[in-house]
Amino acid sequence: MNIKASIIQSFARWILGGVPFASMKRIVADWNNEDLTGVQKREQVLREFALLGYALSGWLMNLGLELAVAWLKNQGQARE
């Protein structure tokens, strides 16, 4: 894992907690593989976050989504 991915993960764990962020990363990664628009993926991800029962405020869920996307993108760059 590169330094940028490490910083993103550390920040997310600090803000969100390790287990919720791990779940969020999995959900984002799963939906990232679907043939949908970005808006459709976002809607599905947020729906799953709600189904999992996360009692996070809207801005915190959006932060988690954006951090998970940034982390996922960084993982792809690290493998290239």
N, C-alpha and C. Protein backbone atom coordinates (compact mmCIF):
# COMPACT_ATOMS: atom_id res chain seq x y z
N MET A 1 0.86 -1.17 0.00
CA MET A 1 0.00 0.00 0.00
C MET A 1 0.91 1.23 0.00
N ASN A 2 0.60 2.20 -0.88
CA ASN A 2 1.43 3.39 -0.94
C ASN A 2 1.04 4.38 0.17
N ILE A 3 1.83 5.44 0.30
CA ILE A 3 1.64 6.39 1.41
C ILE A 3 0.29 7.10 1.33
N LYS A 4 -0.15 7.45 0.12
CA LYS A 4 -1.44 8.13 -0.03
C LYS A 4 -2.58 7.23 0.43
N ALA A 5 -2.56 5.97 0.03
CA ALA A 5 -3.60 5.02 0.46
C ALA A 5 -3.56 4.83 1.97
N SER A 6 -2.36 4.80 2.55
CA SER A 6 -2.22 4.64 4.00
C SER A 6 -2.82 5.83 4.75
N ILE A 7 -2.57 7.03 4.23
CA ILE A 7 -3.12 8.23 4.87
C ILE A 7 -4.64 8.24 4.78
N ILE A 8 -5.18 7.90 3.61
CA ILE A 8 -6.64 7.85 3.44
C ILE A 8 -7.24 6.84 4.42
N GLN A 9 -6.63 5.66 4.50
CA GLN A 9 -7.16 4.62 5.38
C GLN A 9 -7.07 5.03 6.84
N SER A 10 -5.94 5.63 7.25
CA SER A 10 -5.79 6.06 8.65
C SER A 10 -6.81 7.13 9.01
N PHE A 11 -6.99 8.10 8.12
CA PHE A 11 -7.97 9.16 8.36
C PHE A 11 -9.38 8.59 8.47
N ALA A 12 -9.72 7.70 7.56
CA ALA A 12 -11.05 7.10 7.57
C ALA A 12 -11.28 6.28 8.84
N ARG A 13 -10.29 5.54 9.26
CA ARG A 13 -10.43 4.75 10.50
C ARG A 13 -10.62 5.67 11.69
N TRP A 14 -9.90 6.80 11.70
CA TRP A 14 -10.00 7.74 12.81
C TRP A 14 -11.39 8.37 12.84
N ILE A 15 -11.91 8.79 11.68
CA ILE A 15 -13.21 9.45 11.61
C ILE A 15 -14.36 8.45 11.74
N LEU A 16 -14.27 7.34 11.01
CA LEU A 16 -15.40 6.41 10.89
C LEU A 16 -15.30 5.18 11.77
N GLY A 17 -14.11 4.80 12.14
CA GLY A 17 -13.90 3.53 12.82
C GLY A 17 -13.51 2.47 11.81
N GLY A 18 -12.71 1.51 12.22
CA GLY A 18 -12.17 0.50 11.31
C GLY A 18 -13.20 -0.40 10.66
N VAL A 19 -14.14 -0.92 11.45
CA VAL A 19 -15.12 -1.87 10.91
C VAL A 19 -16.08 -1.19 9.94
N PRO A 20 -16.66 -0.03 10.28
CA PRO A 20 -17.54 0.61 9.30
C PRO A 20 -16.83 0.96 7.99
N PHE A 21 -15.58 1.45 8.07
CA PHE A 21 -14.88 1.81 6.84
C PHE A 21 -14.54 0.58 6.02
N ALA A 22 -14.20 -0.52 6.66
CA ALA A 22 -13.94 -1.77 5.93
C ALA A 22 -15.19 -2.20 5.17
N SER A 23 -16.34 -2.09 5.82
CA SER A 23 -17.60 -2.44 5.15
C SER A 23 -17.90 -1.49 4.00
N MET A 24 -17.65 -0.21 4.22
CA MET A 24 -17.89 0.79 3.17
C MET A 24 -16.99 0.54 1.96
N LYS A 25 -15.73 0.21 2.21
CA LYS A 25 -14.81 -0.08 1.10
C LYS A 25 -15.30 -1.28 0.30
N ARG A 26 -15.78 -2.30 0.99
CA ARG A 26 -16.26 -3.50 0.31
C ARG A 26 -17.46 -3.17 -0.56
N ILE A 27 -18.40 -2.41 -0.01
CA ILE A 27 -19.60 -2.04 -0.77
C ILE A 27 -19.23 -1.20 -1.99
N VAL A 28 -18.36 -0.21 -1.81
CA VAL A 28 -17.94 0.64 -2.93
C VAL A 28 -17.23 -0.19 -3.99
N ALA A 29 -16.35 -1.09 -3.55
CA ALA A 29 -15.62 -1.94 -4.51
C ALA A 29 -16.58 -2.84 -5.27
N ASP A 30 -17.56 -3.41 -4.58
CA ASP A 30 -18.55 -4.27 -5.25
C ASP A 30 -19.32 -3.50 -6.31
N TRP A 31 -19.81 -2.32 -5.98
CA TRP A 31 -20.60 -1.54 -6.93
C TRP A 31 -19.74 -0.93 -8.02
N ASN A 32 -18.46 -0.73 -7.76
CA ASN A 32 -17.56 -0.17 -8.77
C ASN A 32 -17.47 -1.08 -9.99
N ASN A 33 -17.66 -2.37 -9.81
CA ASN A 33 -17.57 -3.34 -10.90
C ASN A 33 -18.83 -3.42 -11.75
N GLU A 34 -19.89 -2.74 -11.33
CA GLU A 34 -21.16 -2.79 -12.07
C GLU A 34 -21.13 -1.81 -13.25
N ASP A 35 -21.86 -2.15 -14.30
CA ASP A 35 -21.95 -1.31 -15.49
C ASP A 35 -23.08 -0.29 -15.31
N LEU A 36 -22.82 0.70 -14.45
CA LEU A 36 -23.79 1.75 -14.14
C LEU A 36 -23.09 3.10 -14.22
N THR A 37 -23.87 4.17 -14.28
CA THR A 37 -23.28 5.51 -14.23
C THR A 37 -22.79 5.77 -12.81
N GLY A 38 -21.96 6.80 -12.66
CA GLY A 38 -21.48 7.16 -11.33
C GLY A 38 -22.61 7.51 -10.38
N VAL A 39 -23.61 8.21 -10.89
CA VAL A 39 -24.77 8.59 -10.07
C VAL A 39 -25.53 7.35 -9.62
N GLN A 40 -25.72 6.39 -10.53
CA GLN A 40 -26.43 5.16 -10.18
C GLN A 40 -25.64 4.36 -9.14
N LYS A 41 -24.32 4.28 -9.31
CA LYS A 41 -23.49 3.57 -8.34
C LYS A 41 -23.60 4.23 -6.97
N ARG A 42 -23.54 5.56 -6.96
CA ARG A 42 -23.64 6.30 -5.69
C ARG A 42 -24.96 6.01 -5.00
N GLU A 43 -26.06 6.03 -5.75
CA GLU A 43 -27.38 5.74 -5.17
C GLU A 43 -27.42 4.35 -4.56
N GLN A 44 -26.87 3.37 -5.26
CA GLN A 44 -26.88 1.99 -4.76
C GLN A 44 -26.00 1.84 -3.52
N VAL A 45 -24.83 2.50 -3.55
CA VAL A 45 -23.93 2.45 -2.40
C VAL A 45 -24.61 3.05 -1.18
N LEU A 46 -25.20 4.23 -1.33
CA LEU A 46 -25.87 4.87 -0.20
C LEU A 46 -27.05 4.04 0.29
N ARG A 47 -27.76 3.37 -0.62
CA ARG A 47 -28.87 2.49 -0.23
C ARG A 47 -28.33 1.35 0.62
N GLU A 48 -27.21 0.77 0.21
CA GLU A 48 -26.63 -0.33 0.99
C GLU A 48 -26.13 0.15 2.35
N PHE A 49 -25.52 1.34 2.38
CA PHE A 49 -25.09 1.89 3.66
C PHE A 49 -26.28 1.97 4.62
N ALA A 50 -27.41 2.46 4.11
CA ALA A 50 -28.62 2.59 4.94
C ALA A 50 -29.13 1.21 5.36
N LEU A 51 -29.10 0.25 4.44
CA LEU A 51 -29.57 -1.10 4.77
C LEU A 51 -28.72 -1.75 5.86
N LEU A 52 -27.45 -1.43 5.87
CA LEU A 52 -26.57 -1.99 6.91
C LEU A 52 -26.84 -1.35 8.27
N GLY A 53 -27.61 -0.30 8.28
CA GLY A 53 -28.00 0.29 9.55
C GLY A 53 -27.00 1.28 10.12
N TYR A 54 -26.15 1.82 9.28
CA TYR A 54 -25.22 2.82 9.80
C TYR A 54 -25.99 4.06 10.20
N ALA A 55 -25.85 4.43 11.45
CA ALA A 55 -26.54 5.61 11.95
C ALA A 55 -25.61 6.81 11.85
N LEU A 56 -25.07 7.00 10.65
CA LEU A 56 -24.16 8.12 10.42
C LEU A 56 -24.94 9.25 9.76
N SER A 57 -24.54 10.45 10.04
CA SER A 57 -25.21 11.58 9.38
C SER A 57 -24.88 11.57 7.89
N GLY A 58 -25.64 12.30 7.11
CA GLY A 58 -25.46 12.32 5.66
C GLY A 58 -24.07 12.72 5.23
N TRP A 59 -23.51 13.73 5.87
CA TRP A 59 -22.18 14.16 5.45
C TRP A 59 -21.12 13.12 5.78
N LEU A 60 -21.31 12.39 6.86
CA LEU A 60 -20.34 11.38 7.23
C LEU A 60 -20.41 10.19 6.28
N MET A 61 -21.61 9.83 5.83
CA MET A 61 -21.73 8.76 4.83
C MET A 61 -21.08 9.19 3.52
N ASN A 62 -21.30 10.44 3.13
CA ASN A 62 -20.67 10.94 1.90
C ASN A 62 -19.15 10.95 2.04
N LEU A 63 -18.65 11.34 3.20
CA LEU A 63 -17.21 11.32 3.43
C LEU A 63 -16.69 9.89 3.31
N GLY A 64 -17.37 8.95 3.92
CA GLY A 64 -16.96 7.55 3.82
C GLY A 64 -16.95 7.06 2.40
N LEU A 65 -17.96 7.43 1.63
CA LEU A 65 -18.03 7.03 0.22
C LEU A 65 -16.84 7.61 -0.54
N GLU A 66 -16.59 8.89 -0.38
CA GLU A 66 -15.49 9.53 -1.11
C GLU A 66 -14.13 8.97 -0.69
N LEU A 67 -13.95 8.71 0.59
CA LEU A 67 -12.69 8.12 1.05
C LEU A 67 -12.51 6.71 0.52
N ALA A 68 -13.59 5.94 0.48
CA ALA A 68 -13.50 4.58 -0.06
C ALA A 68 -13.17 4.60 -1.55
N VAL A 69 -13.76 5.54 -2.30
CA VAL A 69 -13.45 5.67 -3.72
C VAL A 69 -11.99 6.07 -3.90
N ALA A 70 -11.52 7.05 -3.12
CA ALA A 70 -10.12 7.47 -3.22
C ALA A 70 -9.18 6.32 -2.87
N TRP A 71 -9.52 5.57 -1.85
CA TRP A 71 -8.69 4.42 -1.45
C TRP A 71 -8.66 3.39 -2.58
N LEU A 72 -9.83 3.10 -3.16
CA LEU A 72 -9.91 2.11 -4.24
C LEU A 72 -9.10 2.56 -5.45
N LYS A 73 -9.21 3.82 -5.83
CA LYS A 73 -8.43 4.35 -6.95
C LYS A 73 -6.94 4.23 -6.68
N ASN A 74 -6.54 4.50 -5.45
CA ASN A 74 -5.13 4.41 -5.09
C ASN A 74 -4.63 2.99 -5.14
N GLN A 75 -5.48 2.05 -4.79
CA GLN A 75 -5.08 0.64 -4.86
C GLN A 75 -4.80 0.25 -6.30
N GLY A 76 -5.60 0.74 -7.23
CA GLY A 76 -5.39 0.45 -8.64
C GLY A 76 -4.09 1.04 -9.15
N GLN A 77 -3.75 2.24 -8.69
CA GLN A 77 -2.50 2.88 -9.10
C GLN A 77 -1.30 2.15 -8.52
N ALA A 78 -1.45 1.62 -7.32
CA ALA A 78 -0.34 0.92 -6.68
C ALA A 78 0.00 -0.37 -7.41
N ARG A 79 -0.99 -0.99 -8.06
CA ARG A 79 -0.77 -2.26 -8.76
C ARG A 79 -0.20 -2.08 -10.15
N GLU A 80 -0.28 -0.87 -10.69
CA GLU A 80 0.19 -0.64 -12.07
C GLU A 80 1.69 -0.58 -12.14
